[in-house]
Amino acid sequence: MQLDQLSVVLRQRNPWEAIDLGFAMAREWWRDTYAAWLAVFVPLSVAACWFLPPLWAFVLVWWLEPALDRIILHVVSSAVFGVRPRLRETLRSFFSYGRNGLLLSLIPPLRFSLSRSFSLPVRQLENARGHTARLRGNQLRKRAMNQAMWLTIICLLFEAVVFLSLVGLYDLLMPAATQDSFDAFELFQGTPSHSRASLLTALYLGAIALIEPLYVAGGFALYLNRRMALEGWDLEVQLRRIAQRDGQPETQEPAAAHSAVIVLLALGIGFTVLLALPGPAPAQDASSRPEIPAPQISEAAKPSPLPPSQVKQRIREVLQQPQFEQFETQIFIEPLRKPEKQRPNDTGLGSFMQFIAELLRGVVWVLLGAVLLYALYWVLRRLNWIRTSKRSTWTPPSTLFGLDVRPESLPEDLAAAAARLARSGDPVGALSLLYRGALVALLHRDQIELAGGDTEIDCLTKTRERVAAGTYAYLARLLAAWQAAAYAHRVPPLPEVEQLASQWPGFFAAAA
């Protein structure tokens, strides 16, 4: 990683802000990203729809998405580090940058992973393999797993929104002559036909073509943010944007090449839509229609209106006729519960949506029951009606953060030894000694379970609720001084180091 060539500003971000940075990168370099992505996705989709049934074509293209995502990641990662690859170079060198774990990503357990966009850079950019890749992935996913999974779910929902929007657009573009016999929802109902399946496949592949680069870029930005937090890139160098567009000309493909790729996608989808459209019925010529003569009513045949008094008299005469004096009473016996009419078999989206609704209803009830049980458990714990079993005895580690944290490794008068180191011109050694003494106290006195993978921020987070406010404030000052001296090479003044040494016994001397 050449941090001095970054074209984006990396800083401490929360995971959601990092995902938004990935979307911004996809928008910034959309020409290069979509050109390389569509140059492979469109021919593959057209070939699959030409040689396979619509359903199998969709399954094949969808299953190969992890392999095609490597092209997007190569373009975005190269642009982040100041090099925007050409389209021809990206396609030619695919097996040089995308072969590591290519077949493994298509195996069902990894293919259905909800964090595949976040885990992909581990194998492609770090070239990690086997056990090393699994350990590295577990380390990176430690604090970003939930966001990586939600990124996948949200992008799937975006694909569904784009797909339904394309269906609505298809409805709007239908000719007015066939509008009376067309309904957008009929695409999902009734007996499936080849034209209807081809249309739905083309529209959904168009949604995937639009959303997939955003998904890969968001996962890559989340990966960058996690690496920065673990390796302290912001403490080692001052990250800034140095890609001077005026100083270094960018090597890009001509705009015609990118426009041709986009036009190719539009033509592929449009061609499939045209194949799915029903043939229009020939319009009947107005001149060939037989003319029906309008009936002619003479003036003598027209009925004359009656006065109101004669109308009432005419009604009475009609009601006095014999057929109006007959009455009949009939008795019917009906069951209290009428059997429900069986709905016609629906093999389309109706039955599928009914199944999804029943499934979601069950999930909601399960989640509601789990929330109620947890609330009951929390209340009983607060009332001390439930006591949890004591945890097994925890053994403090002997080394932490590369420091020896055994109590016997500390001098008897640690504060005096730290002050002597500071006066002799070694303030970093003095701060290191004070930091080791504080870690020993936290491990052995307060029984705070610190692990080797924790950072200074993790140490403060785990200590906040376990020690007194004064001890926590002193530890925060000590860690800030230690980070500035050890990572940023900004040594605090001698009086500040001596003050930390003199105040150290009041918080940690008893444990040491």
Protein backbone atom coordinates (compact mmCIF):
# COMPACT_ATOMS: atom_id res chain seq x y z
CA MET A 1 0.00 0.00 0.00
CA GLN A 2 1.61 3.27 -1.16
CA LEU A 3 -0.16 5.72 1.10
CA ASP A 4 1.55 8.73 -0.47
CA GLN A 5 -0.33 8.16 -3.74
CA LEU A 6 -3.88 8.04 -2.39
CA SER A 7 -6.44 10.01 -4.40
CA VAL A 8 -8.99 10.08 -1.56
CA VAL A 9 -8.69 11.54 1.92
CA LEU A 10 -8.72 8.76 4.51
CA ARG A 11 -9.67 9.66 8.06
CA GLN A 12 -11.49 8.11 10.98
CA ARG A 13 -15.03 7.38 9.72
CA ASN A 14 -17.85 5.32 11.07
CA PRO A 15 -18.68 2.31 8.84
CA TRP A 16 -21.79 3.90 7.31
CA GLU A 17 -19.81 7.00 6.33
CA ALA A 18 -17.17 4.71 4.79
CA ILE A 19 -19.83 2.98 2.67
CA ASP A 20 -21.02 6.39 1.49
CA LEU A 21 -17.40 7.14 0.50
CA GLY A 22 -17.45 4.00 -1.65
CA PHE A 23 -20.60 5.18 -3.41
CA ALA A 24 -18.93 8.54 -4.02
CA MET A 25 -15.89 6.80 -5.54
CA ALA A 26 -18.17 4.82 -7.88
CA ARG A 27 -19.83 8.06 -8.98
CA GLU A 28 -16.50 9.84 -9.44
CA TRP A 29 -14.95 7.12 -11.62
CA TRP A 30 -18.16 5.89 -13.21
CA ARG A 31 -16.80 5.97 -16.77
CA ASP A 32 -13.89 3.62 -16.06
CA THR A 33 -15.89 1.43 -13.67
CA TYR A 34 -19.01 0.91 -15.76
CA ALA A 35 -17.01 0.59 -19.01
CA ALA A 36 -15.00 -2.36 -17.66
CA TRP A 37 -18.01 -3.87 -15.89
CA LEU A 38 -20.42 -3.64 -18.83
CA ALA A 39 -17.80 -4.77 -21.35
CA VAL A 40 -17.98 -8.22 -19.71
CA PHE A 41 -21.46 -8.24 -18.17
CA VAL A 42 -23.41 -7.33 -21.31
CA PRO A 43 -21.87 -9.97 -23.67
CA LEU A 44 -22.24 -12.61 -20.98
CA SER A 45 -25.91 -11.70 -20.42
CA VAL A 46 -26.71 -11.62 -24.13
CA ALA A 47 -25.00 -14.98 -24.71
CA ALA A 48 -26.76 -16.57 -21.74
CA CYS A 49 -30.18 -15.30 -22.86
CA TRP A 50 -29.51 -16.47 -26.43
CA PHE A 51 -28.42 -20.03 -25.66
CA LEU A 52 -30.32 -20.78 -22.44
CA PRO A 53 -33.92 -20.48 -21.21
CA PRO A 54 -34.61 -17.17 -19.46
CA LEU A 55 -34.61 -18.61 -15.93
CA TRP A 56 -31.37 -20.54 -16.40
CA ALA A 57 -29.76 -17.55 -18.09
CA PHE A 58 -30.58 -15.36 -15.10
CA VAL A 59 -29.28 -17.97 -12.63
CA LEU A 60 -26.01 -18.33 -14.55
CA VAL A 61 -25.30 -14.59 -14.75
CA TRP A 62 -26.28 -14.07 -11.11
CA TRP A 63 -24.06 -16.95 -9.97
CA LEU A 64 -21.02 -15.52 -11.78
CA GLU A 65 -21.35 -12.09 -10.11
CA PRO A 66 -18.48 -12.70 -7.60
CA ALA A 67 -16.11 -13.39 -10.50
CA LEU A 68 -17.18 -10.25 -12.37
CA ASP A 69 -16.93 -8.15 -9.19
CA ARG A 70 -13.15 -8.55 -9.35
CA ILE A 71 -13.07 -6.33 -12.44
CA ILE A 72 -14.89 -3.54 -10.59
CA LEU A 73 -12.62 -3.88 -7.55
CA HIS A 74 -9.50 -3.71 -9.74
CA VAL A 75 -10.63 -0.46 -11.37
CA VAL A 76 -11.75 1.23 -8.13
CA SER A 77 -8.71 0.16 -6.07
CA SER A 78 -6.30 1.27 -8.81
CA ALA A 79 -8.03 4.65 -9.03
CA VAL A 80 -7.86 5.07 -5.23
CA PHE A 81 -4.08 4.63 -5.33
CA GLY A 82 -3.63 7.12 -8.15
CA VAL A 83 -3.62 4.85 -11.24
CA ARG A 84 -6.68 4.64 -13.49
CA PRO A 85 -6.20 1.54 -15.68
CA ARG A 86 -7.23 1.42 -19.28
CA LEU A 87 -10.09 -0.78 -20.37
CA ARG A 88 -7.90 -3.03 -22.50
CA GLU A 89 -5.36 -3.52 -19.70
CA THR A 90 -8.10 -4.31 -17.20
CA LEU A 91 -9.59 -7.05 -19.37
CA ARG A 92 -6.26 -8.53 -20.49
CA SER A 93 -4.80 -8.80 -16.99
CA PHE A 94 -7.90 -10.30 -15.36
CA PHE A 95 -6.27 -13.63 -14.49
CA SER A 96 -3.24 -11.87 -13.02
CA TYR A 97 -5.22 -9.93 -10.40
CA GLY A 98 -8.44 -11.98 -10.12
CA ARG A 99 -7.40 -15.62 -10.08
CA ASN A 100 -6.71 -15.92 -6.32
CA GLY A 101 -9.83 -17.53 -4.83
CA LEU A 102 -11.80 -17.18 -8.07
CA LEU A 103 -13.27 -20.69 -8.08
CA LEU A 104 -13.60 -20.69 -4.29
CA SER A 105 -15.88 -17.62 -4.45
CA LEU A 106 -18.36 -19.55 -6.63
CA ILE A 107 -18.81 -22.40 -4.14
CA PRO A 108 -22.25 -22.16 -2.43
CA PRO A 109 -21.11 -21.30 1.15
CA LEU A 110 -19.03 -18.35 -0.05
CA ARG A 111 -21.35 -17.46 -2.93
CA PHE A 112 -24.20 -16.82 -0.53
CA SER A 113 -22.04 -14.87 1.95
CA LEU A 114 -23.58 -11.52 2.91
CA SER A 115 -20.14 -9.92 3.33
CA ARG A 116 -18.50 -10.96 0.06
CA SER A 117 -17.85 -7.38 -1.14
CA PHE A 118 -16.02 -6.68 2.15
CA SER A 119 -14.02 -9.94 2.08
CA LEU A 120 -13.07 -9.79 -1.61
CA PRO A 121 -10.13 -7.32 -1.18
CA VAL A 122 -8.44 -9.71 1.27
CA ARG A 123 -7.80 -12.27 -1.47
CA GLN A 124 -7.52 -9.97 -4.47
CA LEU A 125 -5.52 -7.03 -3.06
CA GLU A 126 -3.61 -8.69 -0.20
CA ASN A 127 -3.27 -11.98 -2.14
CA ALA A 128 -3.93 -13.92 1.06
CA ARG A 129 -4.54 -17.66 0.81
CA GLY A 130 -5.85 -20.50 2.95
CA HIS A 131 -5.57 -20.17 6.69
CA THR A 132 -3.93 -16.74 6.42
CA ALA A 133 -6.89 -15.40 4.44
CA ARG A 134 -9.39 -16.75 6.98
CA LEU A 135 -7.53 -15.22 9.92
CA ARG A 136 -7.17 -11.92 8.11
CA GLY A 137 -10.86 -11.89 7.19
CA ASN A 138 -11.90 -12.61 10.78
CA GLN A 139 -9.70 -9.78 12.03
CA LEU A 140 -11.13 -7.27 9.58
CA ARG A 141 -14.75 -8.32 10.12
CA LYS A 142 -14.46 -7.93 13.88
CA ARG A 143 -16.00 -4.44 13.94
CA ALA A 144 -17.58 -4.13 10.48
CA MET A 145 -19.45 -7.41 9.96
CA ASN A 146 -22.93 -5.99 10.59
CA GLN A 147 -22.40 -3.07 8.23
CA ALA A 148 -21.05 -5.39 5.50
CA MET A 149 -24.12 -7.62 5.77
CA TRP A 150 -26.54 -4.69 5.74
CA LEU A 151 -24.74 -3.31 2.67
CA THR A 152 -25.59 -6.52 0.81
CA ILE A 153 -29.23 -6.48 1.94
CA ILE A 154 -29.70 -2.80 1.06
CA CYS A 155 -28.17 -3.24 -2.40
CA LEU A 156 -30.49 -6.20 -3.03
CA LEU A 157 -33.44 -3.97 -2.13
CA PHE A 158 -32.11 -1.28 -4.48
CA GLU A 159 -31.98 -3.86 -7.27
CA ALA A 160 -35.61 -4.73 -6.58
CA VAL A 161 -36.59 -1.04 -6.68
CA VAL A 162 -34.79 -0.48 -9.98
CA PHE A 163 -36.37 -3.66 -11.40
CA LEU A 164 -39.90 -2.56 -10.47
CA SER A 165 -39.16 0.92 -11.83
CA LEU A 166 -38.13 -0.60 -15.17
CA VAL A 167 -41.37 -2.60 -15.19
CA GLY A 168 -43.30 0.63 -14.66
CA LEU A 169 -41.30 2.32 -17.43
CA TYR A 170 -42.18 -0.57 -19.74
CA ASP A 171 -45.84 0.00 -18.91
CA LEU A 172 -45.57 3.71 -19.73
CA LEU A 173 -43.86 3.03 -23.07
CA MET A 174 -46.47 0.56 -24.27
CA PRO A 175 -48.41 1.77 -27.35
CA ALA A 176 -51.79 3.31 -26.63
CA ALA A 177 -53.52 0.85 -28.99
CA THR A 178 -52.64 -2.11 -26.71
CA GLN A 179 -53.04 -0.28 -23.40
CA ASP A 180 -56.57 -1.63 -22.82
CA SER A 181 -55.30 -5.22 -22.83
CA PHE A 182 -52.08 -4.71 -20.85
CA ASP A 183 -51.47 -4.48 -17.13
CA ALA A 184 -47.98 -4.22 -15.62
CA PHE A 185 -48.88 -6.71 -12.90
CA GLU A 186 -49.89 -9.28 -15.50
CA LEU A 187 -46.17 -9.80 -16.07
CA PHE A 188 -46.04 -11.61 -12.72
CA GLN A 189 -49.28 -13.55 -12.95
CA GLY A 190 -50.83 -16.27 -15.01
CA THR A 191 -49.10 -19.03 -16.89
CA PRO A 192 -45.48 -18.05 -17.58
CA SER A 193 -44.55 -17.63 -21.22
CA HIS A 194 -41.20 -17.35 -22.96
CA SER A 195 -41.72 -13.70 -23.91
CA ARG A 196 -42.77 -12.71 -20.39
CA ALA A 197 -39.84 -14.57 -18.82
CA SER A 198 -37.40 -13.02 -21.30
CA LEU A 199 -38.69 -9.54 -20.53
CA LEU A 200 -38.43 -10.00 -16.76
CA THR A 201 -34.92 -11.45 -17.10
CA ALA A 202 -33.76 -8.52 -19.24
CA LEU A 203 -35.19 -5.95 -16.82
CA TYR A 204 -33.65 -7.57 -13.76
CA LEU A 205 -30.24 -7.93 -15.43
CA GLY A 206 -30.45 -4.21 -16.17
CA ALA A 207 -31.02 -3.55 -12.45
CA ILE A 208 -27.98 -5.70 -11.55
CA ALA A 209 -25.84 -3.86 -14.11
CA LEU A 210 -26.69 -0.54 -12.45
CA ILE A 211 -26.33 -1.46 -8.75
CA GLU A 212 -23.42 -3.96 -8.67
CA PRO A 213 -20.55 -1.38 -9.08
CA LEU A 214 -21.97 0.62 -6.16
CA TYR A 215 -22.08 -2.55 -4.04
CA VAL A 216 -18.45 -3.49 -4.75
CA ALA A 217 -17.19 0.08 -4.21
CA GLY A 218 -19.04 0.34 -0.89
CA GLY A 219 -17.50 -2.91 0.37
CA PHE A 220 -14.01 -1.79 -0.71
CA ALA A 221 -14.37 1.55 1.12
CA LEU A 222 -15.49 -0.31 4.25
CA TYR A 223 -12.38 -2.52 3.91
CA LEU A 224 -10.12 0.56 3.59
CA ASN A 225 -11.69 2.16 6.66
CA ARG A 226 -11.13 -1.00 8.71
CA ARG A 227 -7.49 -1.29 7.66
CA MET A 228 -6.87 2.35 8.54
CA ALA A 229 -8.29 1.78 12.02
CA LEU A 230 -6.16 -1.35 12.57
CA GLU A 231 -2.86 -0.12 11.12
CA GLY A 232 -3.04 3.54 12.16
CA TRP A 233 -2.56 5.10 8.74
CA ASP A 234 -3.78 8.47 10.04
CA LEU A 235 -1.11 8.45 12.77
CA GLU A 236 1.75 7.37 10.53
CA VAL A 237 1.27 9.91 7.74
CA GLN A 238 -0.98 12.86 7.12
CA LEU A 239 -3.29 11.54 4.48
CA ARG A 240 -4.17 14.13 1.89
CA ARG A 241 -5.21 14.23 -1.72
CA ILE A 242 -2.11 14.49 -3.96
CA ALA A 243 -3.49 13.38 -7.33
CA GLN A 244 -2.89 16.65 -9.20
CA ARG A 245 -4.99 16.43 -12.29
CA ASP A 246 -3.21 19.41 -13.86
CA GLY A 247 0.25 17.98 -13.25
CA GLN A 248 -0.29 14.38 -14.34
CA PRO A 249 -2.48 13.68 -17.36
CA GLU A 250 -4.92 10.88 -16.79
CA THR A 251 -4.84 7.95 -19.19
CA GLN A 252 -8.38 7.24 -20.19
CA GLU A 253 -10.07 5.53 -23.02
CA PRO A 254 -11.76 7.82 -25.52
CA ALA A 255 -15.26 8.85 -24.62
CA ALA A 256 -16.55 7.03 -27.67
CA ALA A 257 -15.44 3.66 -26.24
CA HIS A 258 -17.35 4.25 -22.99
CA SER A 259 -20.42 5.50 -24.82
CA ALA A 260 -20.31 2.45 -27.11
CA VAL A 261 -20.35 0.09 -24.11
CA ILE A 262 -23.33 1.87 -22.58
CA VAL A 263 -25.17 1.88 -25.91
CA LEU A 264 -24.42 -1.84 -26.20
CA LEU A 265 -26.15 -2.47 -22.86
CA ALA A 266 -29.17 -0.43 -23.94
CA LEU A 267 -29.38 -2.27 -27.28
CA GLY A 268 -29.09 -5.69 -25.58
CA ILE A 269 -31.91 -4.93 -23.13
CA GLY A 270 -34.00 -3.24 -25.81
CA PHE A 271 -33.58 -6.18 -28.19
CA THR A 272 -34.76 -8.60 -25.50
CA VAL A 273 -37.73 -6.35 -24.70
CA LEU A 274 -38.70 -6.19 -28.36
CA LEU A 275 -38.62 -9.98 -28.58
CA ALA A 276 -40.95 -10.18 -25.58
CA LEU A 277 -43.49 -7.68 -26.94
CA PRO A 278 -46.67 -9.14 -28.47
CA GLY A 279 -47.26 -8.40 -32.13
CA PRO A 280 -49.69 -5.51 -32.71
CA ALA A 281 -53.02 -6.36 -34.28
CA PRO A 282 -53.50 -4.77 -37.74
CA ALA A 283 -55.73 -1.74 -37.61
CA GLN A 284 -58.86 -1.93 -39.73
CA ASP A 285 -59.15 0.64 -42.43
CA ALA A 286 -61.94 3.07 -41.84
CA SER A 287 -62.90 2.95 -45.50
CA SER A 288 -63.49 -0.82 -45.40
CA ARG A 289 -65.89 -0.75 -42.49
CA PRO A 290 -69.56 -1.32 -43.46
CA GLU A 291 -71.73 1.66 -42.91
CA ILE A 292 -74.79 0.98 -40.74
CA PRO A 293 -77.64 3.29 -41.58
CA ALA A 294 -79.09 5.11 -38.65
CA PRO A 295 -82.73 4.32 -37.92
CA GLN A 296 -85.16 6.95 -39.11
CA ILE A 297 -88.03 7.77 -36.76
CA SER A 298 -90.95 9.63 -38.17
CA GLU A 299 -92.58 12.42 -36.32
CA ALA A 300 -95.90 10.51 -36.14
CA ALA A 301 -94.29 7.50 -34.46
CA LYS A 302 -92.74 9.49 -31.66
CA PRO A 303 -94.64 8.97 -28.36
CA SER A 304 -96.22 12.09 -26.92
CA PRO A 305 -95.66 12.77 -23.19
CA LEU A 306 -98.61 12.18 -20.83
CA PRO A 307 -99.76 14.68 -18.21
CA PRO A 308 -98.99 13.78 -14.53
CA SER A 309 -102.61 12.92 -13.71
CA GLN A 310 -102.83 10.36 -16.52
CA VAL A 311 -99.46 8.86 -15.53
CA LYS A 312 -100.72 8.06 -12.02
CA GLN A 313 -103.93 6.60 -13.41
CA ARG A 314 -101.95 4.40 -15.84
CA ILE A 315 -99.81 3.06 -12.95
CA ARG A 316 -102.91 2.13 -10.91
CA GLU A 317 -104.39 0.27 -13.86
CA VAL A 318 -101.19 -1.73 -14.31
CA LEU A 319 -100.98 -2.67 -10.62
CA GLN A 320 -104.59 -3.93 -10.65
CA GLN A 321 -103.76 -6.66 -13.15
CA PRO A 322 -103.96 -10.31 -11.82
CA GLN A 323 -100.24 -11.10 -12.09
CA PHE A 324 -99.44 -8.43 -9.50
CA GLU A 325 -101.75 -10.02 -6.90
CA GLN A 326 -99.86 -13.33 -6.57
CA PHE A 327 -97.37 -13.72 -3.69
CA GLU A 328 -95.05 -16.63 -2.92
CA THR A 329 -93.02 -17.39 0.22
CA GLN A 330 -89.90 -19.57 -0.02
CA ILE A 331 -87.77 -20.90 2.85
CA PHE A 332 -84.06 -21.67 2.34
CA ILE A 333 -81.80 -23.48 4.82
CA GLU A 334 -78.20 -22.27 4.66
CA PRO A 335 -75.19 -23.23 6.83
CA LEU A 336 -74.00 -20.73 9.41
CA ARG A 337 -70.45 -20.83 8.03
CA LYS A 338 -70.39 -20.70 4.29
CA PRO A 339 -67.42 -22.49 2.74
CA GLU A 340 -64.90 -20.13 1.24
CA LYS A 341 -64.69 -20.12 -2.49
CA GLN A 342 -61.50 -21.71 -3.67
CA ARG A 343 -59.28 -19.28 -5.45
CA PRO A 344 -58.01 -20.28 -8.87
CA ASN A 345 -54.55 -21.76 -8.90
CA ASP A 346 -52.00 -18.98 -9.23
CA THR A 347 -48.59 -20.11 -10.38
CA GLY A 348 -47.20 -16.60 -10.74
CA LEU A 349 -46.09 -13.93 -8.33
CA GLY A 350 -49.34 -14.11 -6.32
CA SER A 351 -48.56 -17.44 -4.65
CA PHE A 352 -44.93 -16.45 -4.19
CA MET A 353 -45.87 -13.17 -2.50
CA GLN A 354 -48.37 -15.02 -0.29
CA PHE A 355 -45.60 -17.40 0.78
CA ILE A 356 -43.26 -14.46 1.51
CA ALA A 357 -46.00 -12.74 3.53
CA GLU A 358 -46.59 -15.85 5.64
CA LEU A 359 -42.86 -16.28 6.15
CA LEU A 360 -42.38 -12.66 7.21
CA ARG A 361 -45.35 -12.92 9.54
CA GLY A 362 -43.73 -15.89 11.27
CA VAL A 363 -40.41 -14.06 11.48
CA VAL A 364 -42.09 -11.02 13.05
CA TRP A 365 -43.77 -13.19 15.69
CA VAL A 366 -40.49 -14.94 16.47
CA LEU A 367 -38.65 -11.63 16.80
CA LEU A 368 -41.42 -10.21 18.99
CA GLY A 369 -41.25 -13.25 21.27
CA ALA A 370 -37.45 -12.97 21.47
CA VAL A 371 -37.69 -9.28 22.41
CA LEU A 372 -40.26 -10.00 25.11
CA LEU A 373 -38.16 -12.83 26.55
CA TYR A 374 -35.06 -10.64 26.60
CA ALA A 375 -36.99 -7.81 28.29
CA LEU A 376 -38.26 -10.24 30.93
CA TYR A 377 -34.76 -11.61 31.47
CA TRP A 378 -33.32 -8.08 31.78
CA VAL A 379 -35.96 -7.09 34.39
CA LEU A 380 -35.35 -10.25 36.43
CA ARG A 381 -31.60 -9.66 36.30
CA ARG A 382 -32.09 -6.11 37.58
CA LEU A 383 -34.24 -7.42 40.44
CA ASN A 384 -31.59 -10.06 41.26
CA TRP A 385 -34.12 -12.83 40.77
CA ILE A 386 -31.80 -14.51 38.28
CA ARG A 387 -28.14 -15.00 39.00
CA THR A 388 -25.78 -15.99 36.28
CA SER A 389 -23.05 -18.51 36.90
CA LYS A 390 -19.62 -17.09 37.58
CA ARG A 391 -17.29 -16.95 34.65
CA SER A 392 -14.29 -19.18 34.49
CA THR A 393 -11.04 -17.83 35.92
CA TRP A 394 -9.33 -15.55 33.42
CA THR A 395 -5.55 -15.69 33.09
CA PRO A 396 -3.93 -12.36 32.17
CA PRO A 397 -1.50 -12.53 29.21
CA SER A 398 2.25 -12.11 29.70
CA THR A 399 2.68 -9.81 26.67
CA LEU A 400 0.30 -7.21 25.30
CA PHE A 401 0.77 -4.84 22.35
CA GLY A 402 4.37 -6.13 22.17
CA LEU A 403 5.03 -5.05 25.80
CA ASP A 404 5.97 -7.25 28.73
CA VAL A 405 3.06 -6.95 31.18
CA ARG A 406 4.22 -9.34 33.89
CA PRO A 407 4.23 -7.68 37.33
CA GLU A 408 7.77 -8.98 38.05
CA SER A 409 9.08 -7.15 34.97
CA LEU A 410 8.39 -3.73 36.54
CA PRO A 411 10.86 -1.90 38.83
CA GLU A 412 10.00 -1.47 42.48
CA ASP A 413 9.60 2.32 42.22
CA LEU A 414 8.14 2.65 38.75
CA ALA A 415 7.35 6.38 38.97
CA ALA A 416 10.91 7.25 40.06
CA ALA A 417 12.39 5.07 37.31
CA ALA A 418 10.19 6.79 34.70
CA ALA A 419 11.21 10.22 35.97
CA ARG A 420 14.93 9.26 35.72
CA LEU A 421 14.43 8.09 32.13
CA ALA A 422 12.73 11.36 31.23
CA ARG A 423 15.54 13.47 32.77
CA SER A 424 18.20 11.38 31.04
CA GLY A 425 16.74 12.24 27.62
CA ASP A 426 14.51 9.22 27.00
CA PRO A 427 10.93 10.49 27.37
CA VAL A 428 9.59 7.73 25.06
CA GLY A 429 11.06 5.09 27.37
CA ALA A 430 9.54 6.85 30.37
CA LEU A 431 6.09 6.90 28.75
CA SER A 432 6.50 3.24 27.74
CA LEU A 433 7.31 2.29 31.33
CA LEU A 434 4.30 4.21 32.68
CA TYR A 435 2.07 2.62 30.01
CA ARG A 436 3.29 -0.90 30.90
CA GLY A 437 2.64 -0.24 34.56
CA ALA A 438 -0.89 0.94 33.82
CA LEU A 439 -1.58 -2.17 31.71
CA VAL A 440 -0.31 -4.41 34.53
CA ALA A 441 -2.69 -2.68 36.95
CA LEU A 442 -5.65 -3.00 34.58
CA LEU A 443 -4.97 -6.70 33.96
CA HIS A 444 -4.16 -7.89 37.49
CA ARG A 445 -5.98 -5.45 39.73
CA ASP A 446 -9.13 -4.61 37.76
CA GLN A 447 -9.31 -7.93 35.85
CA ILE A 448 -10.01 -6.16 32.56
CA GLU A 449 -9.75 -8.73 29.78
CA LEU A 450 -7.52 -7.08 27.18
CA ALA A 451 -6.58 -9.09 24.08
CA GLY A 452 -3.62 -8.90 21.75
CA GLY A 453 -5.77 -7.60 18.88
CA ASP A 454 -7.08 -4.62 20.89
CA THR A 455 -5.93 -1.07 20.18
CA GLU A 456 -5.45 1.86 22.51
CA ILE A 457 -9.02 2.94 21.78
CA ASP A 458 -10.26 -0.55 22.71
CA CYS A 459 -8.30 -0.32 25.95
CA LEU A 460 -10.02 2.95 26.85
CA THR A 461 -13.43 1.58 25.89
CA LYS A 462 -13.10 -1.52 28.06
CA THR A 463 -11.76 0.54 30.97
CA ARG A 464 -14.41 3.27 31.01
CA GLU A 465 -16.97 1.42 33.14
CA ARG A 466 -14.49 -0.55 35.27
CA VAL A 467 -12.34 2.11 36.92
CA ALA A 468 -12.90 5.41 38.72
CA ALA A 469 -13.37 8.61 36.75
CA GLY A 470 -10.03 10.04 37.89
CA THR A 471 -8.17 6.89 36.87
CA TYR A 472 -9.86 6.89 33.48
CA ALA A 473 -8.99 10.55 32.88
CA TYR A 474 -5.32 9.94 33.78
CA LEU A 475 -5.20 6.86 31.53
CA ALA A 476 -6.62 8.88 28.61
CA ARG A 477 -3.89 11.53 29.07
CA LEU A 478 -1.20 8.87 29.30
CA LEU A 479 -2.40 7.08 26.15
CA ALA A 480 -2.59 10.37 24.22
CA ALA A 481 1.00 11.23 25.19
CA TRP A 482 2.16 7.68 24.35
CA GLN A 483 0.50 7.70 20.91
CA ALA A 484 1.92 11.11 20.05
CA ALA A 485 5.45 10.00 21.00
CA ALA A 486 5.41 6.43 19.66
CA TYR A 487 3.50 6.89 16.38
CA ALA A 488 3.60 10.55 15.40
CA HIS A 489 7.11 11.22 16.86
CA ARG A 490 5.80 14.25 18.74
CA VAL A 491 7.53 13.95 22.10
CA PRO A 492 5.67 15.79 24.90
CA PRO A 493 7.63 18.41 26.90
CA LEU A 494 9.74 17.17 29.81
CA PRO A 495 7.52 18.83 32.49
CA GLU A 496 4.46 17.00 31.13
CA VAL A 497 6.25 13.64 31.27
CA GLU A 498 7.48 14.32 34.82
CA GLN A 499 3.96 15.32 35.86
CA LEU A 500 2.59 12.03 34.48
CA ALA A 501 5.29 10.13 36.37
CA SER A 502 4.57 11.95 39.64
CA GLN A 503 0.81 11.35 39.36
CA TRP A 504 1.11 7.67 38.38
CA PRO A 505 1.42 6.24 41.96
CA GLY A 506 -1.90 7.81 42.98
CA PHE A 507 -3.75 5.62 40.50
CA PHE A 508 -1.72 2.45 39.85
CA ALA A 509 1.01 2.12 42.54
CA ALA A 510 -0.97 -0.26 44.75
CA ALA A 511 -1.54 -2.75 41.93
CA ALA A 512 2.09 -2.62 40.74
